[in-house]
Amino acid sequence: MQQAFMPKAELDLELIGDYIAQDNPRRAKTFVRELREQCGKITQAPKAYRPRPELGKGLRSCPYGNYLVIFHEEPDLVRIVRVLHGAMDMQAQFEEQSPIMPAGK
């Protein structure tokens, strides 16, 4: 199974790296790499992770440290939708628009 990152997920990873880099640039790079590796592991057994119907139809979450990888499983693809800190208001992050479809669709 393949994986793809939605633009917001890519931006999330960039922002996470920037935040960590304020204190430890080396750790920022390794942590973002670890998050990407965790996303790769999701493709091995996506149904093993918690369903998150309150965030959107078909969404699941995978914890990694203090972060949650929010993803959608399709027949041959795991689409990484967001990567968010667990303390965030998750529902507020998904109320603006459908996480799968771009705004205006």
PDB file of N, CA and C in Angstrom:
ATOM      1  N   MET A   1       0.848  -1.182   0.000  1.00  0.00           N
ATOM      2  CA  MET A   1       0.000   0.000   0.000  1.00  0.00           C
ATOM      3  C   MET A   1       0.891   1.242   0.000  1.00  0.00           C
ATOM      4  N   GLN A   2       0.480   2.230  -0.768  1.00  0.00           N
ATOM      5  CA  GLN A   2       1.245   3.470  -0.856  1.00  0.00           C
ATOM      6  C   GLN A   2       0.710   4.502   0.123  1.00  0.00           C
ATOM      7  N   GLN A   3       1.470   5.581   0.297  1.00  0.00           N
ATOM      8  CA  GLN A   3       1.002   6.677   1.134  1.00  0.00           C
ATOM      9  C   GLN A   3       1.186   7.988   0.392  1.00  0.00           C
ATOM     10  N   ALA A   4       0.353   8.948   0.746  1.00  0.00           N
ATOM     11  CA  ALA A   4       0.445  10.291   0.178  1.00  0.00           C
ATOM     12  C   ALA A   4       0.147  11.287   1.287  1.00  0.00           C
ATOM     13  N   PHE A   5       0.842  12.399   1.256  1.00  0.00           N
ATOM     14  CA  PHE A   5       0.637  13.457   2.242  1.00  0.00           C
ATOM     15  C   PHE A   5      -0.189  14.573   1.620  1.00  0.00           C
ATOM     16  N   MET A   6      -1.261  14.948   2.297  1.00  0.00           N
ATOM     17  CA  MET A   6      -2.047  16.102   1.881  1.00  0.00           C
ATOM     18  C   MET A   6      -1.221  17.361   2.160  1.00  0.00           C
ATOM     19  N   PRO A   7      -1.476  18.456   1.452  1.00  0.00           N
ATOM     20  CA  PRO A   7      -0.705  19.682   1.683  1.00  0.00           C
ATOM     21  C   PRO A   7      -0.703  20.150   3.139  1.00  0.00           C
ATOM     22  N   LYS A   8      -1.841  20.044   3.820  1.00  0.00           N
ATOM     23  CA  LYS A   8      -1.881  20.473   5.227  1.00  0.00           C
ATOM     24  C   LYS A   8      -0.990  19.599   6.098  1.00  0.00           C
ATOM     25  N   ALA A   9      -0.897  18.313   5.802  1.00  0.00           N
ATOM     26  CA  ALA A   9      -0.021  17.427   6.571  1.00  0.00           C
ATOM     27  C   ALA A   9       1.439  17.810   6.351  1.00  0.00           C
ATOM     28  N   GLU A  10       1.787  18.129   5.116  1.00  0.00           N
ATOM     29  CA  GLU A  10       3.155  18.585   4.827  1.00  0.00           C
ATOM     30  C   GLU A  10       3.459  19.869   5.588  1.00  0.00           C
ATOM     31  N   LEU A  11       2.502  20.790   5.603  1.00  0.00           N
ATOM     32  CA  LEU A  11       2.681  22.039   6.337  1.00  0.00           C
ATOM     33  C   LEU A  11       2.806  21.768   7.834  1.00  0.00           C
ATOM     34  N   ASP A  12       1.983  20.854   8.355  1.00  0.00           N
ATOM     35  CA  ASP A  12       2.078  20.492   9.773  1.00  0.00           C
ATOM     36  C   ASP A  12       3.484  20.022  10.116  1.00  0.00           C
ATOM     37  N   LEU A  13       4.044  19.137   9.292  1.00  0.00           N
ATOM     38  CA  LEU A  13       5.390  18.623   9.553  1.00  0.00           C
ATOM     39  C   LEU A  13       6.423  19.751   9.518  1.00  0.00           C
ATOM     40  N   GLU A  14       6.273  20.656   8.582  1.00  0.00           N
ATOM     41  CA  GLU A  14       7.196  21.790   8.491  1.00  0.00           C
ATOM     42  C   GLU A  14       7.113  22.660   9.748  1.00  0.00           C
ATOM     43  N   LEU A  15       5.894  22.932  10.208  1.00  0.00           N
ATOM     44  CA  LEU A  15       5.706  23.763  11.396  1.00  0.00           C
ATOM     45  C   LEU A  15       6.220  23.072  12.656  1.00  0.00           C
ATOM     46  N   ILE A  16       6.008  21.772  12.754  1.00  0.00           N
ATOM     47  CA  ILE A  16       6.534  21.009  13.891  1.00  0.00           C
ATOM     48  C   ILE A  16       8.057  21.114  13.907  1.00  0.00           C
ATOM     49  N   GLY A  17       8.668  20.902  12.756  1.00  0.00           N
ATOM     50  CA  GLY A  17      10.118  21.011  12.659  1.00  0.00           C
ATOM     51  C   GLY A  17      10.612  22.400  13.028  1.00  0.00           C
ATOM     52  N   ASP A  18       9.940  23.437  12.540  1.00  0.00           N
ATOM     53  CA  ASP A  18      10.334  24.812  12.853  1.00  0.00           C
ATOM     54  C   ASP A  18      10.242  25.086  14.350  1.00  0.00           C
ATOM     55  N   TYR A  19       9.188  24.593  14.979  1.00  0.00           N
ATOM     56  CA  TYR A  19       8.993  24.821  16.411  1.00  0.00           C
ATOM     57  C   TYR A  19      10.102  24.144  17.221  1.00  0.00           C
ATOM     58  N   ILE A  20      10.371  22.889  16.924  1.00  0.00           N
ATOM     59  CA  ILE A  20      11.407  22.158  17.656  1.00  0.00           C
ATOM     60  C   ILE A  20      12.782  22.767  17.381  1.00  0.00           C
ATOM     61  N   ALA A  21      13.004  23.236  16.168  1.00  0.00           N
ATOM     62  CA  ALA A  21      14.305  23.801  15.779  1.00  0.00           C
ATOM     63  C   ALA A  21      14.657  25.061  16.566  1.00  0.00           C
ATOM     64  N   GLN A  22      13.675  25.720  17.137  1.00  0.00           N
ATOM     65  CA  GLN A  22      13.959  26.900  17.952  1.00  0.00           C
ATOM     66  C   GLN A  22      14.894  26.550  19.108  1.00  0.00           C
ATOM     67  N   ASP A  23      14.744  25.341  19.647  1.00  0.00           N
ATOM     68  CA  ASP A  23      15.578  24.894  20.765  1.00  0.00           C
ATOM     69  C   ASP A  23      16.645  23.898  20.346  1.00  0.00           C
ATOM     70  N   ASN A  24      16.348  23.084  19.329  1.00  0.00           N
ATOM     71  CA  ASN A  24      17.268  22.001  18.986  1.00  0.00           C
ATOM     72  C   ASN A  24      17.126  21.648  17.499  1.00  0.00           C
ATOM     73  N   PRO A  25      17.855  22.331  16.635  1.00  0.00           N
ATOM     74  CA  PRO A  25      17.726  22.090  15.192  1.00  0.00           C
ATOM     75  C   PRO A  25      17.994  20.643  14.779  1.00  0.00           C
ATOM     76  N   ARG A  26      18.960  20.012  15.392  1.00  0.00           N
ATOM     77  CA  ARG A  26      19.268  18.620  15.037  1.00  0.00           C
ATOM     78  C   ARG A  26      18.093  17.710  15.386  1.00  0.00           C
ATOM     79  N   ARG A  27      17.526  17.904  16.573  1.00  0.00           N
ATOM     80  CA  ARG A  27      16.391  17.072  16.985  1.00  0.00           C
ATOM     81  C   ARG A  27      15.183  17.331  16.094  1.00  0.00           C
ATOM     82  N   ALA A  28      15.021  18.554  15.640  1.00  0.00           N
ATOM     83  CA  ALA A  28      13.896  18.866  14.752  1.00  0.00           C
ATOM     84  C   ALA A  28      13.940  17.983  13.513  1.00  0.00           C
ATOM     85  N   LYS A  29      15.109  17.869  12.910  1.00  0.00           N
ATOM     86  CA  LYS A  29      15.244  17.047  11.703  1.00  0.00           C
ATOM     87  C   LYS A  29      14.965  15.579  11.992  1.00  0.00           C
ATOM     88  N   THR A  30      15.527  15.064  13.096  1.00  0.00           N
ATOM     89  CA  THR A  30      15.329  13.638  13.388  1.00  0.00           C
ATOM     90  C   THR A  30      13.883  13.354  13.778  1.00  0.00           C
ATOM     91  N   PHE A  31      13.247  14.284  14.500  1.00  0.00           N
ATOM     92  CA  PHE A  31      11.871  14.041  14.920  1.00  0.00           C
ATOM     93  C   PHE A  31      10.922  14.027  13.729  1.00  0.00           C
ATOM     94  N   VAL A  32      11.086  14.967  12.819  1.00  0.00           N
ATOM     95  CA  VAL A  32      10.231  14.984  11.625  1.00  0.00           C
ATOM     96  C   VAL A  32      10.466  13.718  10.807  1.00  0.00           C
ATOM     97  N   ARG A  33      11.703  13.270  10.726  1.00  0.00           N
ATOM     98  CA  ARG A  33      11.989  12.008  10.020  1.00  0.00           C
ATOM     99  C   ARG A  33      11.287  10.842  10.713  1.00  0.00           C
ATOM    100  N   GLU A  34      11.314  10.817  12.052  1.00  0.00           N
ATOM    101  CA  GLU A  34      10.625   9.755  12.795  1.00  0.00           C
ATOM    102  C   GLU A  34       9.121   9.796  12.540  1.00  0.00           C
ATOM    103  N   LEU A  35       8.550  10.985  12.511  1.00  0.00           N
ATOM    104  CA  LEU A  35       7.115  11.103  12.208  1.00  0.00           C
ATOM    105  C   LEU A  35       6.807  10.544  10.821  1.00  0.00           C
ATOM    106  N   ARG A  36       7.643  10.854   9.843  1.00  0.00           N
ATOM    107  CA  ARG A  36       7.442  10.325   8.487  1.00  0.00           C
ATOM    108  C   ARG A  36       7.572   8.800   8.472  1.00  0.00           C
ATOM    109  N   GLU A  37       8.525   8.273   9.242  1.00  0.00           N
ATOM    110  CA  GLU A  37       8.677   6.815   9.326  1.00  0.00           C
ATOM    111  C   GLU A  37       7.436   6.190   9.947  1.00  0.00           C
ATOM    112  N   GLN A  38       6.882   6.834  10.971  1.00  0.00           N
ATOM    113  CA  GLN A  38       5.656   6.324  11.591  1.00  0.00           C
ATOM    114  C   GLN A  38       4.521   6.314  10.572  1.00  0.00           C
ATOM    115  N   CYS A  39       4.449   7.335   9.763  1.00  0.00           N
ATOM    116  CA  CYS A  39       3.426   7.377   8.710  1.00  0.00           C
ATOM    117  C   CYS A  39       3.595   6.196   7.762  1.00  0.00           C
ATOM    118  N   GLY A  40       4.828   5.837   7.465  1.00  0.00           N
ATOM    119  CA  GLY A  40       5.085   4.676   6.613  1.00  0.00           C
ATOM    120  C   GLY A  40       4.613   3.385   7.247  1.00  0.00           C
ATOM    121  N   LYS A  41       4.735   3.285   8.571  1.00  0.00           N
ATOM    122  CA  LYS A  41       4.291   2.075   9.277  1.00  0.00           C
ATOM    123  C   LYS A  41       2.775   1.918   9.227  1.00  0.00           C
ATOM    124  N   ILE A  42       2.072   3.029   9.157  1.00  0.00           N
ATOM    125  CA  ILE A  42       0.608   2.978   9.091  1.00  0.00           C
ATOM    126  C   ILE A  42       0.160   2.151   7.894  1.00  0.00           C
ATOM    127  N   THR A  43       0.878   2.229   6.786  1.00  0.00           N
ATOM    128  CA  THR A  43       0.475   1.524   5.564  1.00  0.00           C
ATOM    129  C   THR A  43       0.476   0.012   5.736  1.00  0.00           C
ATOM    130  N   GLN A  44       1.197  -0.498   6.738  1.00  0.00           N
ATOM    131  CA  GLN A  44       1.275  -1.943   6.955  1.00  0.00           C
ATOM    132  C   GLN A  44      -0.012  -2.512   7.545  1.00  0.00           C
ATOM    133  N   ALA A  45      -0.702  -1.728   8.364  1.00  0.00           N
ATOM    134  CA  ALA A  45      -1.945  -2.203   8.990  1.00  0.00           C
ATOM    135  C   ALA A  45      -2.818  -1.012   9.381  1.00  0.00           C
ATOM    136  N   PRO A  46      -3.348  -0.275   8.426  1.00  0.00           N
ATOM    137  CA  PRO A  46      -4.100   0.944   8.752  1.00  0.00           C
ATOM    138  C   PRO A  46      -5.333   0.709   9.618  1.00  0.00           C
ATOM    139  N   LYS A  47      -5.955  -0.455   9.484  1.00  0.00           N
ATOM    140  CA  LYS A  47      -7.160  -0.725  10.271  1.00  0.00           C
ATOM    141  C   LYS A  47      -6.852  -0.976  11.750  1.00  0.00           C
ATOM    142  N   ALA A  48      -5.578  -1.117  12.091  1.00  0.00           N
ATOM    143  CA  ALA A  48      -5.187  -1.338  13.485  1.00  0.00           C
ATOM    144  C   ALA A  48      -5.289  -0.060  14.319  1.00  0.00           C
ATOM    145  N   TYR A  49      -5.464   1.079  13.665  1.00  0.00           N
ATOM    146  CA  TYR A  49      -5.473   2.352  14.375  1.00  0.00           C
ATOM    147  C   TYR A  49      -6.889   2.835  14.639  1.00  0.00           C
ATOM    148  N   ARG A  50      -7.015   3.684  15.638  1.00  0.00           N
ATOM    149  CA  ARG A  50      -8.301   4.132  16.152  1.00  0.00           C
ATOM    150  C   ARG A  50      -9.107   4.912  15.110  1.00  0.00           C
ATOM    151  N   PRO A  51     -10.345   4.494  14.875  1.00  0.00           N
ATOM    152  CA  PRO A  51     -11.244   5.287  14.024  1.00  0.00           C
ATOM    153  C   PRO A  51     -11.566   6.620  14.706  1.00  0.00           C
ATOM    154  N   ARG A  52     -11.697   7.678  13.914  1.00  0.00           N
ATOM    155  CA  ARG A  52     -12.008   9.009  14.456  1.00  0.00           C
ATOM    156  C   ARG A  52     -13.194   9.618  13.713  1.00  0.00           C
ATOM    157  N   PRO A  53     -14.389   9.002  13.851  1.00  0.00           N
ATOM    158  CA  PRO A  53     -15.553   9.505  13.116  1.00  0.00           C
ATOM    159  C   PRO A  53     -15.927  10.938  13.493  1.00  0.00           C
ATOM    160  N   GLU A  54     -15.549  11.383  14.690  1.00  0.00           N
ATOM    161  CA  GLU A  54     -15.865  12.757  15.099  1.00  0.00           C
ATOM    162  C   GLU A  54     -15.069  13.788  14.291  1.00  0.00           C
ATOM    163  N   LEU A  55     -13.995  13.338  13.633  1.00  0.00           N
ATOM    164  CA  LEU A  55     -13.174  14.241  12.820  1.00  0.00           C
ATOM    165  C   LEU A  55     -13.580  14.224  11.352  1.00  0.00           C
ATOM    166  N   GLY A  56     -14.160  13.126  10.921  1.00  0.00           N
ATOM    167  CA  GLY A  56     -14.575  13.010   9.528  1.00  0.00           C
ATOM    168  C   GLY A  56     -14.737  11.552   9.139  1.00  0.00           C
ATOM    169  N   LYS A  57     -15.543  11.323   8.138  1.00  0.00           N
ATOM    170  CA  LYS A  57     -15.822   9.967   7.677  1.00  0.00           C
ATOM    171  C   LYS A  57     -14.538   9.277   7.217  1.00  0.00           C
ATOM    172  N   GLY A  58     -14.299   8.087   7.758  1.00  0.00           N
ATOM    173  CA  GLY A  58     -13.168   7.265   7.342  1.00  0.00           C
ATOM    174  C   GLY A  58     -11.829   7.649   7.930  1.00  0.00           C
ATOM    175  N   LEU A  59     -11.802   8.640   8.824  1.00  0.00           N
ATOM    176  CA  LEU A  59     -10.523   9.059   9.399  1.00  0.00           C
ATOM    177  C   LEU A  59     -10.125   8.175  10.575  1.00  0.00           C
ATOM    178  N   ARG A  60      -8.824   7.990  10.726  1.00  0.00           N
ATOM    179  CA  ARG A  60      -8.232   7.243  11.831  1.00  0.00           C
ATOM    180  C   ARG A  60      -7.054   8.045  12.352  1.00  0.00           C
ATOM    181  N   SER A  61      -6.596   7.693  13.572  1.00  0.00           N
ATOM    182  CA  SER A  61      -5.437   8.390  14.127  1.00  0.00           C
ATOM    183  C   SER A  61      -4.411   7.393  14.642  1.00  0.00           C
ATOM    184  N   CYS A  62      -3.163   7.799  14.513  1.00  0.00           N
ATOM    185  CA  CYS A  62      -2.022   7.026  14.980  1.00  0.00           C
ATOM    186  C   CYS A  62      -1.192   7.933  15.881  1.00  0.00           C
ATOM    187  N   PRO A  63      -1.020   7.573  17.160  1.00  0.00           N
ATOM    188  CA  PRO A  63      -0.217   8.414  18.036  1.00  0.00           C
ATOM    189  C   PRO A  63       1.280   8.223  17.797  1.00  0.00           C
ATOM    190  N   TYR A  64       2.021   9.301  17.960  1.00  0.00           N
ATOM    191  CA  TYR A  64       3.485   9.236  17.978  1.00  0.00           C
ATOM    192  C   TYR A  64       3.962  10.335  18.918  1.00  0.00           C
ATOM    193  N   GLY A  65       4.465   9.940  20.061  1.00  0.00           N
ATOM    194  CA  GLY A  65       4.843  10.918  21.079  1.00  0.00           C
ATOM    195  C   GLY A  65       3.622  11.729  21.463  1.00  0.00           C
ATOM    196  N   ASN A  66       3.753  13.038  21.449  1.00  0.00           N
ATOM    197  CA  ASN A  66       2.639  13.929  21.780  1.00  0.00           C
ATOM    198  C   ASN A  66       1.787  14.287  20.565  1.00  0.00           C
ATOM    199  N   TYR A  67       2.051  13.660  19.448  1.00  0.00           N
ATOM    200  CA  TYR A  67       1.386  14.005  18.191  1.00  0.00           C
ATOM    201  C   TYR A  67       0.459  12.893  17.725  1.00  0.00           C
ATOM    202  N   LEU A  68      -0.501  13.287  16.896  1.00  0.00           N
ATOM    203  CA  LEU A  68      -1.403  12.334  16.261  1.00  0.00           C
ATOM    204  C   LEU A  68      -1.313  12.501  14.751  1.00  0.00           C
ATOM    205  N   VAL A  69      -1.125  11.388  14.083  1.00  0.00           N
ATOM    206  CA  VAL A  69      -1.165  11.368  12.625  1.00  0.00           C
ATOM    207  C   VAL A  69      -2.596  11.006  12.249  1.00  0.00           C
ATOM    208  N   ILE A  70      -3.272  11.902  11.573  1.00  0.00           N
ATOM    209  CA  ILE A  70      -4.653  11.672  11.147  1.00  0.00           C
ATOM    210  C   ILE A  70      -4.607  11.252   9.677  1.00  0.00           C
ATOM    211  N   PHE A  71      -5.251  10.126   9.373  1.00  0.00           N
ATOM    212  CA  PHE A  71      -5.161   9.602   8.012  1.00  0.00           C
ATOM    213  C   PHE A  71      -6.474   9.003   7.553  1.00  0.00           C
ATOM    214  N   HIS A  72      -6.558   8.803   6.245  1.00  0.00           N
ATOM    215  CA  HIS A  72      -7.717   8.199   5.597  1.00  0.00           C
ATOM    216  C   HIS A  72      -7.213   7.045   4.748  1.00  0.00           C
ATOM    217  N   GLU A  73      -7.826   5.892   4.919  1.00  0.00           N
ATOM    218  CA  GLU A  73      -7.431   4.717   4.131  1.00  0.00           C
ATOM    219  C   GLU A  73      -8.303   4.612   2.887  1.00  0.00           C
ATOM    220  N   GLU A  74      -7.657   4.438   1.759  1.00  0.00           N
ATOM    221  CA  GLU A  74      -8.334   4.185   0.495  1.00  0.00           C
ATOM    222  C   GLU A  74      -7.895   2.799   0.028  1.00  0.00           C
ATOM    223  N   PRO A  75      -8.474   2.252  -1.028  1.00  0.00           N
ATOM    224  CA  PRO A  75      -8.147   0.872  -1.408  1.00  0.00           C
ATOM    225  C   PRO A  75      -6.651   0.565  -1.525  1.00  0.00           C
ATOM    226  N   ASP A  76      -5.877   1.404  -2.166  1.00  0.00           N
ATOM    227  CA  ASP A  76      -4.445   1.139  -2.325  1.00  0.00           C
ATOM    228  C   ASP A  76      -3.582   2.271  -1.802  1.00  0.00           C
ATOM    229  N   LEU A  77      -4.159   3.109  -0.936  1.00  0.00           N
ATOM    230  CA  LEU A  77      -3.461   4.319  -0.520  1.00  0.00           C
ATOM    231  C   LEU A  77      -3.846   4.717   0.897  1.00  0.00           C
ATOM    232  N   VAL A  78      -2.856   5.106   1.677  1.00  0.00           N
ATOM    233  CA  VAL A  78      -3.105   5.766   2.956  1.00  0.00           C
ATOM    234  C   VAL A  78      -2.787   7.236   2.741  1.00  0.00           C
ATOM    235  N   ARG A  79      -3.803   8.064   2.926  1.00  0.00           N
ATOM    236  CA  ARG A  79      -3.642   9.502   2.716  1.00  0.00           C
ATOM    237  C   ARG A  79      -3.455  10.165   4.087  1.00  0.00           C
ATOM    238  N   ILE A  80      -2.263  10.724   4.330  1.00  0.00           N
ATOM    239  CA  ILE A  80      -1.980  11.418   5.581  1.00  0.00           C
ATOM    240  C   ILE A  80      -2.616  12.801   5.474  1.00  0.00           C
ATOM    241  N   VAL A  81      -3.590  13.052   6.344  1.00  0.00           N
ATOM    242  CA  VAL A  81      -4.405  14.257   6.257  1.00  0.00           C
ATOM    243  C   VAL A  81      -3.824  15.388   7.102  1.00  0.00           C
ATOM    244  N   ARG A  82      -3.461  15.093   8.342  1.00  0.00           N
ATOM    245  CA  ARG A  82      -2.881  16.091   9.260  1.00  0.00           C
ATOM    246  C   ARG A  82      -1.928  15.385  10.209  1.00  0.00           C
ATOM    247  N   VAL A  83      -1.027  16.171  10.795  1.00  0.00           N
ATOM    248  CA  VAL A  83      -0.153  15.717  11.882  1.00  0.00           C
ATOM    249  C   VAL A  83      -0.244  16.813  12.935  1.00  0.00           C
ATOM    250  N   LEU A  84      -0.933  16.516  14.046  1.00  0.00           N
ATOM    251  CA  LEU A  84      -1.275  17.546  15.024  1.00  0.00           C
ATOM    252  C   LEU A  84      -0.832  17.158  16.427  1.00  0.00           C
ATOM    253  N   HIS A  85      -0.537  18.171  17.234  1.00  0.00           N
ATOM    254  CA  HIS A  85      -0.216  17.935  18.639  1.00  0.00           C
ATOM    255  C   HIS A  85      -1.479  17.452  19.337  1.00  0.00           C
ATOM    256  N   GLY A  86      -1.332  16.461  20.194  1.00  0.00           N
ATOM    257  CA  GLY A  86      -2.475  15.856  20.863  1.00  0.00           C
ATOM    258  C   GLY A  86      -3.258  16.800  21.753  1.00  0.00           C
ATOM    259  N   ALA A  87      -2.649  17.914  22.182  1.00  0.00           N
ATOM    260  CA  ALA A  87      -3.342  18.867  23.044  1.00  0.00           C
ATOM    261  C   ALA A  87      -4.237  19.823  22.254  1.00  0.00           C
ATOM    262  N   MET A  88      -4.141  19.786  20.941  1.00  0.00           N
ATOM    263  CA  MET A  88      -4.960  20.683  20.116  1.00  0.00           C
ATOM    264  C   MET A  88      -6.420  20.235  20.123  1.00  0.00           C
ATOM    265  N   ASP A  89      -7.300  21.174  19.851  1.00  0.00           N
ATOM    266  CA  ASP A  89      -8.716  20.871  19.667  1.00  0.00           C
ATOM    267  C   ASP A  89      -8.861  20.262  18.272  1.00  0.00           C
ATOM    268  N   MET A  90      -8.898  18.944  18.231  1.00  0.00           N
ATOM    269  CA  MET A  90      -8.904  18.239  16.942  1.00  0.00           C
ATOM    270  C   MET A  90     -10.122  18.601  16.102  1.00  0.00           C
ATOM    271  N   GLN A  91     -11.283  18.621  16.726  1.00  0.00           N
ATOM    272  CA  GLN A  91     -12.494  18.897  15.953  1.00  0.00           C
ATOM    273  C   GLN A  91     -12.442  20.278  15.313  1.00  0.00           C
ATOM    274  N   ALA A  92     -11.884  21.253  16.010  1.00  0.00           N
ATOM    275  CA  ALA A  92     -11.785  22.599  15.441  1.00  0.00           C
ATOM    276  C   ALA A  92     -10.896  22.606  14.202  1.00  0.00           C
ATOM    277  N   GLN A  93      -9.900  21.742  14.164  1.00  0.00           N
ATOM    278  CA  GLN A  93      -8.998  21.677  13.016  1.00  0.00           C
ATOM    279  C   GLN A  93      -9.679  21.104  11.774  1.00  0.00           C
ATOM    280  N   PHE A  94     -10.773  20.366  11.987  1.00  0.00           N
ATOM    281  CA  PHE A  94     -11.449  19.707  10.869  1.00  0.00           C
ATOM    282  C   PHE A  94     -12.791  20.332  10.517  1.00  0.00           C
ATOM    283  N   GLU A  95     -13.244  21.320  11.276  1.00  0.00           N
ATOM    284  CA  GLU A  95     -14.552  21.926  11.011  1.00  0.00           C
ATOM    285  C   GLU A  95     -14.544  22.849   9.808  1.00  0.00           C
ATOM    286  N   GLU A  96     -13.397  23.458   9.490  1.00  0.00           N
ATOM    287  CA  GLU A  96     -13.336  24.452   8.419  1.00  0.00           C
ATOM    288  C   GLU A  96     -13.701  23.875   7.061  1.00  0.00           C
ATOM    289  N   GLN A  97     -13.166  22.694   6.742  1.00  0.00           N
ATOM    290  CA  GLN A  97     -13.427  22.072   5.441  1.00  0.00           C
ATOM    291  C   GLN A  97     -13.202  20.579   5.561  1.00  0.00           C
ATOM    292  N   SER A  98     -13.648  19.870   4.583  1.00  0.00           N
ATOM    293  CA  SER A  98     -13.402  18.439   4.539  1.00  0.00           C
ATOM    294  C   SER A  98     -11.903  18.202   4.443  1.00  0.00           C
ATOM    295  N   PRO A  99     -11.339  17.310   5.297  1.00  0.00           N
ATOM    296  CA  PRO A  99      -9.901  17.066   5.240  1.00  0.00           C
ATOM    297  C   PRO A  99      -9.464  16.329   3.985  1.00  0.00           C
ATOM    298  N   ILE A 100     -10.375  15.682   3.288  1.00  0.00           N
ATOM    299  CA  ILE A 100     -10.011  14.900   2.114  1.00  0.00           C
ATOM    300  C   ILE A 100     -10.142  15.742   0.849  1.00  0.00           C
ATOM    301  N   MET A 101     -11.185  16.547   0.783  1.00  0.00           N
ATOM    302  CA  MET A 101     -11.438  17.336  -0.417  1.00  0.00           C
ATOM    303  C   MET A 101     -10.953  18.770  -0.202  1.00  0.00           C
ATOM    304  N   PRO A 102     -10.323  19.371  -1.175  1.00  0.00           N
ATOM    305  CA  PRO A 102      -9.919  20.775  -1.070  1.00  0.00           C
ATOM    306  C   PRO A 102     -11.137  21.682  -0.923  1.00  0.00           C
ATOM    307  N   ALA A 103     -10.932  22.851  -0.365  1.00  0.00           N
ATOM    308  CA  ALA A 103     -12.024  23.818  -0.216  1.00  0.00           C
ATOM    309  C   ALA A 103     -12.637  24.114  -1.581  1.00  0.00           C
ATOM    310  N   GLY A 104     -13.942  24.278  -1.587  1.00  0.00           N
ATOM    311  CA  GLY A 104     -14.626  24.600  -2.828  1.00  0.00           C
ATOM    312  C   GLY A 104     -15.044  23.390  -3.638  1.00  0.00           C
ATOM    313  N   LYS A 105     -14.767  22.189  -3.169  1.00  0.00           N
ATOM    314  CA  LYS A 105     -15.161  20.975  -3.906  1.00  0.00           C
ATOM    315  C   LYS A 105     -16.445  20.432  -3.331  1.00  0.00           C
TER     316      LYS A 105
END
